[in-house]
């Protein structure tokens, strides 16, 4: 039973689709990227080409020096918080500087309509 659960968990983490499953990702040093989804965080080494493909795909908007949000997954932006889920748990939201909030809203509205 334990092996089955471990295999299923491993499979989920290996087979996620960045544009479909990820709320946001943060770029670390040496190609290490931390992907954040609904119920998980995955740290994974990726190449510079892969990172550039994610950034240039149009799915992700830069919200800070190392953080990109999936424009299609943003539910709302209010009071310096980007929310990805109606649960409003800390796992499903990230903080942004309030002074950058309007600029980020404008960038995101170019990608999809959303309630803010």
PDB file of N, CA and C in Angstrom:
ATOM      1  N   UNK A   1       0.828  -1.196   0.000  1.00  0.00           N
ATOM      2  CA  UNK A   1       0.000   0.000   0.000  1.00  0.00           C
ATOM      3  C   UNK A   1       0.868   1.254   0.000  1.00  0.00           C
ATOM      4  N   UNK A   2       1.891   1.249   0.818  1.00  0.00           N
ATOM      5  CA  UNK A   2       2.771   2.405   0.917  1.00  0.00           C
ATOM      6  C   UNK A   2       3.467   2.675  -0.414  1.00  0.00           C
ATOM      7  N   UNK A   3       3.901   1.633  -1.102  1.00  0.00           N
ATOM      8  CA  UNK A   3       4.565   1.803  -2.396  1.00  0.00           C
ATOM      9  C   UNK A   3       3.620   2.364  -3.442  1.00  0.00           C
ATOM     10  N   UNK A   4       2.375   1.936  -3.424  1.00  0.00           N
ATOM     11  CA  UNK A   4       1.396   2.434  -4.381  1.00  0.00           C
ATOM     12  C   UNK A   4       1.193   3.933  -4.187  1.00  0.00           C
ATOM     13  N   UNK A   5       1.043   4.351  -2.960  1.00  0.00           N
ATOM     14  CA  UNK A   5       0.858   5.775  -2.675  1.00  0.00           C
ATOM     15  C   UNK A   5       2.091   6.552  -3.096  1.00  0.00           C
ATOM     16  N   UNK A   6       3.261   6.043  -2.773  1.00  0.00           N
ATOM     17  CA  UNK A   6       4.502   6.718  -3.158  1.00  0.00           C
ATOM     18  C   UNK A   6       4.614   6.813  -4.675  1.00  0.00           C
ATOM     19  N   UNK A   7       4.256   5.756  -5.388  1.00  0.00           N
ATOM     20  CA  UNK A   7       4.325   5.776  -6.851  1.00  0.00           C
ATOM     21  C   UNK A   7       3.328   6.764  -7.435  1.00  0.00           C
ATOM     22  N   UNK A   8       2.111   6.803  -6.886  1.00  0.00           N
ATOM     23  CA  UNK A   8       1.100   7.743  -7.379  1.00  0.00           C
ATOM     24  C   UNK A   8       1.551   9.175  -7.138  1.00  0.00           C
ATOM     25  N   UNK A   9       2.082   9.463  -5.962  1.00  0.00           N
ATOM     26  CA  UNK A   9       2.560  10.800  -5.641  1.00  0.00           C
ATOM     27  C   UNK A   9       3.702  11.178  -6.562  1.00  0.00           C
ATOM     28  N   UNK A  10       4.636  10.276  -6.745  1.00  0.00           N
ATOM     29  CA  UNK A  10       5.769  10.532  -7.628  1.00  0.00           C
ATOM     30  C   UNK A  10       5.270  10.809  -9.051  1.00  0.00           C
ATOM     31  N   UNK A  11       4.297  10.048  -9.492  1.00  0.00           N
ATOM     32  CA  UNK A  11       3.739  10.219 -10.832  1.00  0.00           C
ATOM     33  C   UNK A  11       3.102  11.599 -10.990  1.00  0.00           C
ATOM     34  N   UNK A  12       2.371  12.055 -10.000  1.00  0.00           N
ATOM     35  CA  UNK A  12       1.736  13.370 -10.054  1.00  0.00           C
ATOM     36  C   UNK A  12       2.783  14.451 -10.206  1.00  0.00           C
ATOM     37  N   UNK A  13       3.852  14.358  -9.417  1.00  0.00           N
ATOM     38  CA  UNK A  13       4.879  15.384  -9.444  1.00  0.00           C
ATOM     39  C   UNK A  13       5.692  15.365 -10.724  1.00  0.00           C
ATOM     40  N   UNK A  14       5.844  14.230 -11.329  1.00  0.00           N
ATOM     41  CA  UNK A  14       6.625  14.141 -12.552  1.00  0.00           C
ATOM     42  C   UNK A  14       5.813  14.525 -13.789  1.00  0.00           C
ATOM     43  N   UNK A  15       4.504  14.354 -13.734  1.00  0.00           N
ATOM     44  CA  UNK A  15       3.673  14.523 -14.923  1.00  0.00           C
ATOM     45  C   UNK A  15       2.817  15.774 -14.916  1.00  0.00           C
ATOM     46  N   UNK A  16       3.122  16.737 -14.064  1.00  0.00           N
ATOM     47  CA  UNK A  16       2.303  17.949 -14.055  1.00  0.00           C
ATOM     48  C   UNK A  16       2.600  18.781 -15.307  1.00  0.00           C
ATOM     49  N   UNK A  17       1.590  19.514 -15.755  1.00  0.00           N
ATOM     50  CA  UNK A  17       1.740  20.413 -16.901  1.00  0.00           C
ATOM     51  C   UNK A  17       1.800  21.839 -16.357  1.00  0.00           C
ATOM     52  N   UNK A  18       2.883  22.511 -16.632  1.00  0.00           N
ATOM     53  CA  UNK A  18       3.114  23.823 -16.041  1.00  0.00           C
ATOM     54  C   UNK A  18       1.988  24.789 -16.381  1.00  0.00           C
ATOM     55  N   UNK A  19       1.634  24.941 -17.640  1.00  0.00           N
ATOM     56  CA  UNK A  19       0.611  25.916 -18.029  1.00  0.00           C
ATOM     57  C   UNK A  19      -0.768  25.542 -17.506  1.00  0.00           C
ATOM     58  N   UNK A  20      -1.033  24.270 -17.310  1.00  0.00           N
ATOM     59  CA  UNK A  20      -2.352  23.811 -16.891  1.00  0.00           C
ATOM     60  C   UNK A  20      -2.489  23.712 -15.365  1.00  0.00           C
ATOM     61  N   UNK A  21      -1.445  23.247 -14.680  1.00  0.00           N
ATOM     62  CA  UNK A  21      -1.560  22.896 -13.273  1.00  0.00           C
ATOM     63  C   UNK A  21      -0.980  23.902 -12.290  1.00  0.00           C
ATOM     64  N   UNK A  22      -0.113  24.763 -12.731  1.00  0.00           N
ATOM     65  CA  UNK A  22       0.638  25.615 -11.819  1.00  0.00           C
ATOM     66  C   UNK A  22      -0.034  26.976 -11.648  1.00  0.00           C
ATOM     67  N   UNK A  23      -0.130  27.445 -10.393  1.00  0.00           N
ATOM     68  CA  UNK A  23      -0.626  28.792 -10.105  1.00  0.00           C
ATOM     69  C   UNK A  23       0.476  29.817 -10.354  1.00  0.00           C
ATOM     70  N   UNK A  24       1.665  29.527  -9.833  1.00  0.00           N
ATOM     71  CA  UNK A  24       2.789  30.443 -10.006  1.00  0.00           C
ATOM     72  C   UNK A  24       4.087  29.676  -9.809  1.00  0.00           C
ATOM     73  N   UNK A  25       5.183  30.283 -10.238  1.00  0.00           N
ATOM     74  CA  UNK A  25       6.485  29.688  -9.955  1.00  0.00           C
ATOM     75  C   UNK A  25       7.475  30.768  -9.587  1.00  0.00           C
ATOM     76  N   UNK A  26       8.473  30.349  -8.792  1.00  0.00           N
ATOM     77  CA  UNK A  26       9.535  31.241  -8.357  1.00  0.00           C
ATOM     78  C   UNK A  26      10.862  30.674  -8.842  1.00  0.00           C
ATOM     79  N   UNK A  27      11.684  31.551  -9.390  1.00  0.00           N
ATOM     80  CA  UNK A  27      12.966  31.145  -9.932  1.00  0.00           C
ATOM     81  C   UNK A  27      14.030  31.325  -8.854  1.00  0.00           C
ATOM     82  N   UNK A  28      14.762  30.256  -8.613  1.00  0.00           N
ATOM     83  CA  UNK A  28      15.856  30.296  -7.658  1.00  0.00           C
ATOM     84  C   UNK A  28      17.187  30.293  -8.382  1.00  0.00           C
ATOM     85  N   UNK A  29      18.210  29.960  -7.646  1.00  0.00           N
ATOM     86  CA  UNK A  29      19.552  29.928  -8.229  1.00  0.00           C
ATOM     87  C   UNK A  29      19.814  28.604  -8.937  1.00  0.00           C
ATOM     88  N   UNK A  30      20.727  28.668  -9.875  1.00  0.00           N
ATOM     89  CA  UNK A  30      21.225  27.480 -10.567  1.00  0.00           C
ATOM     90  C   UNK A  30      20.133  26.663 -11.248  1.00  0.00           C
ATOM     91  N   UNK A  31      19.139  27.331 -11.804  1.00  0.00           N
ATOM     92  CA  UNK A  31      18.095  26.641 -12.548  1.00  0.00           C
ATOM     93  C   UNK A  31      17.054  25.937 -11.708  1.00  0.00           C
ATOM     94  N   UNK A  32      17.068  26.163 -10.394  1.00  0.00           N
ATOM     95  CA  UNK A  32      16.065  25.539  -9.530  1.00  0.00           C
ATOM     96  C   UNK A  32      14.820  26.416  -9.498  1.00  0.00           C
ATOM     97  N   UNK A  33      13.695  25.830  -9.864  1.00  0.00           N
ATOM     98  CA  UNK A  33      12.429  26.561  -9.916  1.00  0.00           C
ATOM     99  C   UNK A  33      11.444  25.881  -8.976  1.00  0.00           C
ATOM    100  N   UNK A  34      10.730  26.679  -8.210  1.00  0.00           N
ATOM    101  CA  UNK A  34       9.722  26.177  -7.289  1.00  0.00           C
ATOM    102  C   UNK A  34       8.345  26.442  -7.905  1.00  0.00           C
ATOM    103  N   UNK A  35       7.668  25.358  -8.274  1.00  0.00           N
ATOM    104  CA  UNK A  35       6.337  25.439  -8.874  1.00  0.00           C
ATOM    105  C   UNK A  35       5.289  25.257  -7.786  1.00  0.00           C
ATOM    106  N   UNK A  36       4.254  26.101  -7.796  1.00  0.00           N
ATOM    107  CA  UNK A  36       3.209  26.055  -6.778  1.00  0.00           C
ATOM    108  C   UNK A  36       1.865  25.840  -7.453  1.00  0.00           C
ATOM    109  N   UNK A  37       1.185  24.778  -7.046  1.00  0.00           N
ATOM    110  CA  UNK A  37      -0.135  24.458  -7.575  1.00  0.00           C
ATOM    111  C   UNK A  37      -1.162  24.422  -6.466  1.00  0.00           C
ATOM    112  N   UNK A  38      -2.302  23.866  -6.764  1.00  0.00           N
ATOM    113  CA  UNK A  38      -3.407  23.849  -5.803  1.00  0.00           C
ATOM    114  C   UNK A  38      -3.052  23.148  -4.495  1.00  0.00           C
ATOM    115  N   UNK A  39      -2.471  21.976  -4.577  1.00  0.00           N
ATOM    116  CA  UNK A  39      -2.186  21.202  -3.368  1.00  0.00           C
ATOM    117  C   UNK A  39      -0.729  20.781  -3.243  1.00  0.00           C
ATOM    118  N   UNK A  40       0.150  21.433  -3.944  1.00  0.00           N
ATOM    119  CA  UNK A  40       1.534  20.992  -3.879  1.00  0.00           C
ATOM    120  C   UNK A  40       2.506  22.087  -4.279  1.00  0.00           C
ATOM    121  N   UNK A  41       3.742  21.891  -3.860  1.00  0.00           N
ATOM    122  CA  UNK A  41       4.876  22.711  -4.264  1.00  0.00           C
ATOM    123  C   UNK A  41       5.936  21.741  -4.766  1.00  0.00           C
ATOM    124  N   UNK A  42       6.509  22.045  -5.911  1.00  0.00           N
ATOM    125  CA  UNK A  42       7.512  21.166  -6.506  1.00  0.00           C
ATOM    126  C   UNK A  42       8.737  21.994  -6.837  1.00  0.00           C
ATOM    127  N   UNK A  43       9.885  21.570  -6.337  1.00  0.00           N
ATOM    128  CA  UNK A  43      11.140  22.201  -6.719  1.00  0.00           C
ATOM    129  C   UNK A  43      11.790  21.310  -7.758  1.00  0.00           C
ATOM    130  N   UNK A  44      12.187  21.941  -8.851  1.00  0.00           N
ATOM    131  CA  UNK A  44      12.705  21.159  -9.959  1.00  0.00           C
ATOM    132  C   UNK A  44      13.773  21.962 -10.692  1.00  0.00           C
ATOM    133  N   UNK A  45      14.829  21.298 -11.096  1.00  0.00           N
ATOM    134  CA  UNK A  45      15.847  21.945 -11.918  1.00  0.00           C
ATOM    135  C   UNK A  45      15.377  21.936 -13.364  1.00  0.00           C
ATOM    136  N   UNK A  46      15.455  23.089 -14.007  1.00  0.00           N
ATOM    137  CA  UNK A  46      15.095  23.164 -15.413  1.00  0.00           C
ATOM    138  C   UNK A  46      16.189  23.940 -16.150  1.00  0.00           C
ATOM    139  N   UNK A  47      16.214  23.786 -17.453  1.00  0.00           N
ATOM    140  CA  UNK A  47      17.216  24.490 -18.249  1.00  0.00           C
ATOM    141  C   UNK A  47      16.776  25.931 -18.476  1.00  0.00           C
ATOM    142  N   UNK A  48      17.729  26.752 -18.875  1.00  0.00           N
ATOM    143  CA  UNK A  48      17.415  28.150 -19.193  1.00  0.00           C
ATOM    144  C   UNK A  48      16.423  28.217 -20.350  1.00  0.00           C
ATOM    145  N   UNK A  49      16.537  27.300 -21.316  1.00  0.00           N
ATOM    146  CA  UNK A  49      15.596  27.277 -22.439  1.00  0.00           C
ATOM    147  C   UNK A  49      14.179  26.962 -21.982  1.00  0.00           C
ATOM    148  N   UNK A  50      14.035  25.998 -21.075  1.00  0.00           N
ATOM    149  CA  UNK A  50      12.708  25.670 -20.553  1.00  0.00           C
ATOM    150  C   UNK A  50      12.108  26.871 -19.830  1.00  0.00           C
ATOM    151  N   UNK A  51      12.910  27.522 -18.997  1.00  0.00           N
ATOM    152  CA  UNK A  51      12.440  28.690 -18.266  1.00  0.00           C
ATOM    153  C   UNK A  51      12.019  29.790 -19.227  1.00  0.00           C
ATOM    154  N   UNK A  52      12.822  30.060 -20.232  1.00  0.00           N
ATOM    155  CA  UNK A  52      12.481  31.080 -21.223  1.00  0.00           C
ATOM    156  C   UNK A  52      11.212  30.725 -21.985  1.00  0.00           C
ATOM    157  N   UNK A  53      10.998  29.445 -22.256  1.00  0.00           N
ATOM    158  CA  UNK A  53       9.764  29.020 -22.924  1.00  0.00           C
ATOM    159  C   UNK A  53       8.540  29.295 -22.059  1.00  0.00           C
ATOM    160  N   UNK A  54       8.638  29.014 -20.750  1.00  0.00           N
ATOM    161  CA  UNK A  54       7.511  29.296 -19.849  1.00  0.00           C
ATOM    162  C   UNK A  54       7.216  30.795 -19.808  1.00  0.00           C
ATOM    163  N   UNK A  55       8.272  31.585 -19.688  1.00  0.00           N
ATOM    164  CA  UNK A  55       8.110  33.035 -19.569  1.00  0.00           C
ATOM    165  C   UNK A  55       7.575  33.643 -20.860  1.00  0.00           C
ATOM    166  N   UNK A  56       8.076  33.189 -21.994  1.00  0.00           N
ATOM    167  CA  UNK A  56       7.677  33.775 -23.276  1.00  0.00           C
ATOM    168  C   UNK A  56       6.378  33.183 -23.827  1.00  0.00           C
ATOM    169  N   UNK A  57       5.843  32.156 -23.168  1.00  0.00           N
ATOM    170  CA  UNK A  57       4.629  31.500 -23.669  1.00  0.00           C
ATOM    171  C   UNK A  57       3.408  32.401 -23.624  1.00  0.00           C
ATOM    172  N   UNK A  58       3.451  33.431 -22.789  1.00  0.00           N
ATOM    173  CA  UNK A  58       2.287  34.302 -22.630  1.00  0.00           C
ATOM    174  C   UNK A  58       1.354  33.849 -21.525  1.00  0.00           C
ATOM    175  N   UNK A  59       1.607  32.675 -20.952  1.00  0.00           N
ATOM    176  CA  UNK A  59       0.759  32.173 -19.869  1.00  0.00           C
ATOM    177  C   UNK A  59       1.106  32.813 -18.531  1.00  0.00           C
ATOM    178  N   UNK A  60       2.343  33.275 -18.394  1.00  0.00           N
ATOM    179  CA  UNK A  60       2.827  33.755 -17.107  1.00  0.00           C
ATOM    180  C   UNK A  60       3.169  35.231 -17.161  1.00  0.00           C
ATOM    181  N   UNK A  61       2.856  35.930 -16.060  1.00  0.00           N
ATOM    182  CA  UNK A  61       3.120  37.360 -15.928  1.00  0.00           C
ATOM    183  C   UNK A  61       4.061  37.552 -14.745  1.00  0.00           C
ATOM    184  N   UNK A  62       5.091  38.347 -14.943  1.00  0.00           N
ATOM    185  CA  UNK A  62       6.068  38.613 -13.892  1.00  0.00           C
ATOM    186  C   UNK A  62       5.457  39.560 -12.860  1.00  0.00           C
ATOM    187  N   UNK A  63       5.479  39.146 -11.583  1.00  0.00           N
ATOM    188  CA  UNK A  63       4.924  39.986 -10.522  1.00  0.00           C
ATOM    189  C   UNK A  63       5.993  40.468  -9.543  1.00  0.00           C
ATOM    190  N   UNK A  64       7.165  39.871  -9.604  1.00  0.00           N
ATOM    191  CA  UNK A  64       8.310  40.340  -8.820  1.00  0.00           C
ATOM    192  C   UNK A  64       9.573  39.864  -9.524  1.00  0.00           C
ATOM    193  N   UNK A  65      10.714  40.162  -8.944  1.00  0.00           N
ATOM    194  CA  UNK A  65      11.972  39.858  -9.623  1.00  0.00           C
ATOM    195  C   UNK A  65      12.153  38.375  -9.933  1.00  0.00           C
ATOM    196  N   UNK A  66      11.550  37.498  -9.143  1.00  0.00           N
ATOM    197  CA  UNK A  66      11.729  36.068  -9.367  1.00  0.00           C
ATOM    198  C   UNK A  66      10.429  35.272  -9.386  1.00  0.00           C
ATOM    199  N   UNK A  67       9.288  35.943  -9.449  1.00  0.00           N
ATOM    200  CA  UNK A  67       7.996  35.259  -9.359  1.00  0.00           C
ATOM    201  C   UNK A  67       7.121  35.564 -10.575  1.00  0.00           C
ATOM    202  N   UNK A  68       6.546  34.509 -11.135  1.00  0.00           N
ATOM    203  CA  UNK A  68       5.664  34.608 -12.295  1.00  0.00           C
ATOM    204  C   UNK A  68       4.361  33.898 -11.976  1.00  0.00           C
ATOM    205  N   UNK A  69       3.220  34.556 -12.255  1.00  0.00           N
ATOM    206  CA  UNK A  69       1.915  33.940 -12.004  1.00  0.00           C
ATOM    207  C   UNK A  69       1.289  33.497 -13.311  1.00  0.00           C
ATOM    208  N   UNK A  70       0.514  32.433 -13.216  1.00  0.00           N
ATOM    209  CA  UNK A  70      -0.213  31.916 -14.366  1.00  0.00           C
ATOM    210  C   UNK A  70      -1.447  32.793 -14.553  1.00  0.00           C
ATOM    211  N   UNK A  71      -1.469  33.568 -15.617  1.00  0.00           N
ATOM    212  CA  UNK A  71      -2.549  34.531 -15.851  1.00  0.00           C
ATOM    213  C   UNK A  71      -3.914  33.862 -15.906  1.00  0.00           C
ATOM    214  N   UNK A  72      -3.972  32.630 -16.368  1.00  0.00           N
ATOM    215  CA  UNK A  72      -5.245  31.926 -16.491  1.00  0.00           C
ATOM    216  C   UNK A  72      -5.759  31.395 -15.163  1.00  0.00           C
ATOM    217  N   UNK A  73      -4.922  31.378 -14.144  1.00  0.00           N
ATOM    218  CA  UNK A  73      -5.321  30.823 -12.853  1.00  0.00           C
ATOM    219  C   UNK A  73      -5.657  31.890 -11.815  1.00  0.00           C
ATOM    220  N   UNK A  74      -5.394  33.149 -12.125  1.00  0.00           N
ATOM    221  CA  UNK A  74      -5.651  34.223 -11.156  1.00  0.00           C
ATOM    222  C   UNK A  74      -7.152  34.447 -11.036  1.00  0.00           C
ATOM    223  N   UNK A  75      -7.637  34.361  -9.807  1.00  0.00           N
ATOM    224  CA  UNK A  75      -9.056  34.583  -9.537  1.00  0.00           C
ATOM    225  C   UNK A  75      -9.320  36.050  -9.238  1.00  0.00           C
ATOM    226  N   UNK A  76      -8.442  36.668  -8.412  1.00  0.00           N
ATOM    227  CA  UNK A  76      -8.630  38.071  -8.064  1.00  0.00           C
ATOM    228  C   UNK A  76      -7.327  38.670  -7.553  1.00  0.00           C
ATOM    229  N   UNK A  77      -7.289  40.006  -7.578  1.00  0.00           N
ATOM    230  CA  UNK A  77      -6.180  40.747  -6.986  1.00  0.00           C
ATOM    231  C   UNK A  77      -6.793  41.858  -6.137  1.00  0.00           C
ATOM    232  N   UNK A  78      -6.580  41.767  -4.829  1.00  0.00           N
ATOM    233  CA  UNK A  78      -7.084  42.798  -3.924  1.00  0.00           C
ATOM    234  C   UNK A  78      -6.152  42.930  -2.732  1.00  0.00           C
ATOM    235  N   UNK A  79      -6.003  44.148  -2.254  1.00  0.00           N
ATOM    236  CA  UNK A  79      -5.236  44.445  -1.044  1.00  0.00           C
ATOM    237  C   UNK A  79      -3.851  43.805  -1.025  1.00  0.00           C
ATOM    238  N   UNK A  80      -3.185  43.809  -2.164  1.00  0.00           N
ATOM    239  CA  UNK A  80      -1.836  43.274  -2.229  1.00  0.00           C
ATOM    240  C   UNK A  80      -1.755  41.763  -2.246  1.00  0.00           C
ATOM    241  N   UNK A  81      -2.852  41.094  -2.570  1.00  0.00           N
ATOM    242  CA  UNK A  81      -2.876  39.638  -2.647  1.00  0.00           C
ATOM    243  C   UNK A  81      -3.390  39.179  -4.008  1.00  0.00           C
ATOM    244  N   UNK A  82      -2.698  38.228  -4.582  1.00  0.00           N
ATOM    245  CA  UNK A  82      -3.200  37.543  -5.769  1.00  0.00           C
ATOM    246  C   UNK A  82      -3.772  36.225  -5.279  1.00  0.00           C
ATOM    247  N   UNK A  83      -5.054  35.983  -5.551  1.00  0.00           N
ATOM    248  CA  UNK A  83      -5.730  34.761  -5.104  1.00  0.00           C
ATOM    249  C   UNK A  83      -5.989  33.855  -6.299  1.00  0.00           C
ATOM    250  N   UNK A  84      -5.755  32.567  -6.091  1.00  0.00           N
ATOM    251  CA  UNK A  84      -5.924  31.588  -7.156  1.00  0.00           C
ATOM    252  C   UNK A  84      -7.096  30.650  -6.916  1.00  0.00           C
ATOM    253  N   UNK A  85      -7.657  30.689  -5.726  1.00  0.00           N
ATOM    254  CA  UNK A  85      -8.706  29.734  -5.375  1.00  0.00           C
ATOM    255  C   UNK A  85      -9.685  30.425  -4.443  1.00  0.00           C
ATOM    256  N   UNK A  86     -10.907  30.008  -4.454  1.00  0.00           N
ATOM    257  CA  UNK A  86     -11.923  30.626  -3.604  1.00  0.00           C
ATOM    258  C   UNK A  86     -11.699  30.356  -2.117  1.00  0.00           C
ATOM    259  N   UNK A  87     -10.862  29.388  -1.790  1.00  0.00           N
ATOM    260  CA  UNK A  87     -10.619  29.046  -0.396  1.00  0.00           C
ATOM    261  C   UNK A  87      -9.842  30.108   0.357  1.00  0.00           C
ATOM    262  N   UNK A  88      -9.119  30.949  -0.353  1.00  0.00           N
ATOM    263  CA  UNK A  88      -8.318  32.017   0.229  1.00  0.00           C
ATOM    264  C   UNK A  88      -7.351  31.526   1.313  1.00  0.00           C
ATOM    265  N   UNK A  89      -6.909  30.296   1.214  1.00  0.00           N
ATOM    266  CA  UNK A  89      -5.886  29.838   2.144  1.00  0.00           C
ATOM    267  C   UNK A  89      -4.554  30.428   1.699  1.00  0.00           C
ATOM    268  N   UNK A  90      -3.617  30.492   2.612  1.00  0.00           N
ATOM    269  CA  UNK A  90      -2.323  31.075   2.270  1.00  0.00           C
ATOM    270  C   UNK A  90      -1.630  30.316   1.155  1.00  0.00           C
ATOM    271  N   UNK A  91      -1.908  29.027   1.051  1.00  0.00           N
ATOM    272  CA  UNK A  91      -1.280  28.223   0.008  1.00  0.00           C
ATOM    273  C   UNK A  91      -1.760  28.627  -1.386  1.00  0.00           C
ATOM    274  N   UNK A  92      -2.922  29.261  -1.465  1.00  0.00           N
ATOM    275  CA  UNK A  92      -3.505  29.603  -2.756  1.00  0.00           C
ATOM    276  C   UNK A  92      -3.509  31.104  -3.024  1.00  0.00           C
ATOM    277  N   UNK A  93      -2.557  31.801  -2.422  1.00  0.00           N
ATOM    278  CA  UNK A  93      -2.430  33.236  -2.667  1.00  0.00           C
ATOM    279  C   UNK A  93      -0.984  33.657  -2.464  1.00  0.00           C
ATOM    280  N   UNK A  94      -0.614  34.759  -3.098  1.00  0.00           N
ATOM    281  CA  UNK A  94       0.722  35.313  -2.889  1.00  0.00           C
ATOM    282  C   UNK A  94       0.601  36.814  -2.678  1.00  0.00           C
ATOM    283  N   UNK A  95       1.541  37.352  -1.954  1.00  0.00           N
ATOM    284  CA  UNK A  95       1.576  38.788  -1.689  1.00  0.00           C
ATOM    285  C   UNK A  95       2.324  39.492  -2.812  1.00  0.00           C
ATOM    286  N   UNK A  96       1.818  40.665  -3.164  1.00  0.00           N
ATOM    287  CA  UNK A  96       2.506  41.531  -4.123  1.00  0.00           C
ATOM    288  C   UNK A  96       2.538  42.932  -3.523  1.00  0.00           C
ATOM    289  N   UNK A  97       3.506  43.735  -3.913  1.00  0.00           N
ATOM    290  CA  UNK A  97       3.517  45.114  -3.409  1.00  0.00           C
ATOM    291  C   UNK A  97       2.274  45.857  -3.890  1.00  0.00           C
ATOM    292  N   UNK A  98       1.617  46.560  -2.981  1.00  0.00           N
ATOM    293  CA  UNK A  98       0.393  47.280  -3.360  1.00  0.00           C
ATOM    294  C   UNK A  98       0.660  48.319  -4.440  1.00  0.00           C
ATOM    295  N   UNK A  99       1.857  48.905  -4.439  1.00  0.00           N
ATOM    296  CA  UNK A  99       2.176  49.909  -5.443  1.00  0.00           C
ATOM    297  C   UNK A  99       2.294  49.306  -6.838  1.00  0.00           C
ATOM    298  N   UNK A 100       2.490  47.987  -6.928  1.00  0.00           N
ATOM    299  CA  UNK A 100       2.580  47.318  -8.234  1.00  0.00           C
ATOM    300  C   UNK A 100       1.252  46.685  -8.643  1.00  0.00           C
ATOM    301  N   UNK A 101       0.283  46.715  -7.766  1.00  0.00           N
ATOM    302  CA  UNK A 101      -0.976  46.007  -7.991  1.00  0.00           C
ATOM    303  C   UNK A 101      -1.675  46.424  -9.281  1.00  0.00           C
ATOM    304  N   UNK A 102      -1.811  47.724  -9.530  1.00  0.00           N
ATOM    305  CA  UNK A 102      -2.513  48.177 -10.743  1.00  0.00           C
ATOM    306  C   UNK A 102      -1.780  47.777 -12.011  1.00  0.00           C
ATOM    307  N   UNK A 103      -0.462  47.873 -12.003  1.00  0.00           N
ATOM    308  CA  UNK A 103       0.309  47.460 -13.173  1.00  0.00           C
ATOM    309  C   UNK A 103       0.150  45.981 -13.468  1.00  0.00           C
ATOM    310  N   UNK A 104       0.139  45.172 -12.418  1.00  0.00           N
ATOM    311  CA  UNK A 104      -0.045  43.729 -12.583  1.00  0.00           C
ATOM    312  C   UNK A 104      -1.451  43.423 -13.076  1.00  0.00           C
ATOM    313  N   UNK A 105      -2.452  44.127 -12.534  1.00  0.00           N
ATOM    314  CA  UNK A 105      -3.829  43.950 -13.014  1.00  0.00           C
ATOM    315  C   UNK A 105      -3.922  44.239 -14.512  1.00  0.00           C
ATOM    316  N   UNK A 106      -3.266  45.314 -14.958  1.00  0.00           N
ATOM    317  CA  UNK A 106      -3.298  45.657 -16.380  1.00  0.00           C
ATOM    318  C   UNK A 106      -2.651  44.565 -17.229  1.00  0.00           C
ATOM    319  N   UNK A 107      -1.526  44.040 -16.764  1.00  0.00           N
ATOM    320  CA  UNK A 107      -0.858  42.967 -17.500  1.00  0.00           C
ATOM    321  C   UNK A 107      -1.743  41.731 -17.573  1.00  0.00           C
ATOM    322  N   UNK A 108      -2.353  41.380 -16.465  1.00  0.00           N
ATOM    323  CA  UNK A 108      -3.196  40.188 -16.418  1.00  0.00           C
ATOM    324  C   UNK A 108      -4.470  40.359 -17.240  1.00  0.00           C
ATOM    325  N   UNK A 109      -5.031  41.554 -17.255  1.00  0.00           N
ATOM    326  CA  UNK A 109      -6.262  41.766 -18.015  1.00  0.00           C
ATOM    327  C   UNK A 109      -6.018  41.616 -19.515  1.00  0.00           C
ATOM    328  N   UNK A 110      -4.787  41.794 -19.950  1.00  0.00           N
ATOM    329  CA  UNK A 110      -4.458  41.579 -21.356  1.00  0.00           C
ATOM    330  C   UNK A 110      -4.501  40.089 -21.702  1.00  0.00           C
ATOM    331  N   UNK A 111      -4.387  39.227 -20.675  1.00  0.00           N
ATOM    332  CA  UNK A 111      -4.378  37.785 -20.900  1.00  0.00           C
ATOM    333  C   UNK A 111      -5.753  37.144 -20.763  1.00  0.00           C
ATOM    334  N   UNK A 112      -6.568  37.672 -19.863  1.00  0.00           N
ATOM    335  CA  UNK A 112      -7.909  37.088 -19.661  1.00  0.00           C
ATOM    336  C   UNK A 112      -8.765  38.049 -18.844  1.00  0.00           C
ATOM    337  N   UNK A 113     -10.067  38.001 -19.015  1.00  0.00           N
ATOM    338  CA  UNK A 113     -10.935  38.805 -18.164  1.00  0.00           C
ATOM    339  C   UNK A 113     -11.056  38.148 -16.793  1.00  0.00           C
ATOM    340  N   UNK A 114     -11.063  38.966 -15.732  1.00  0.00           N
ATOM    341  CA  UNK A 114     -11.252  38.447 -14.393  1.00  0.00           C
ATOM    342  C   UNK A 114     -11.877  39.511 -13.516  1.00  0.00           C
ATOM    343  N   UNK A 115     -12.494  39.066 -12.440  1.00  0.00           N
ATOM    344  CA  UNK A 115     -13.103  39.990 -11.488  1.00  0.00           C
ATOM    345  C   UNK A 115     -12.036  40.450 -10.516  1.00  0.00           C
ATOM    346  N   UNK A 116     -11.942  41.763 -10.327  1.00  0.00           N
ATOM    347  CA  UNK A 116     -10.951  42.278  -9.375  1.00  0.00           C
ATOM    348  C   UNK A 116     -11.580  43.291  -8.475  1.00  0.00           C
TER     349      UNK A 116
END
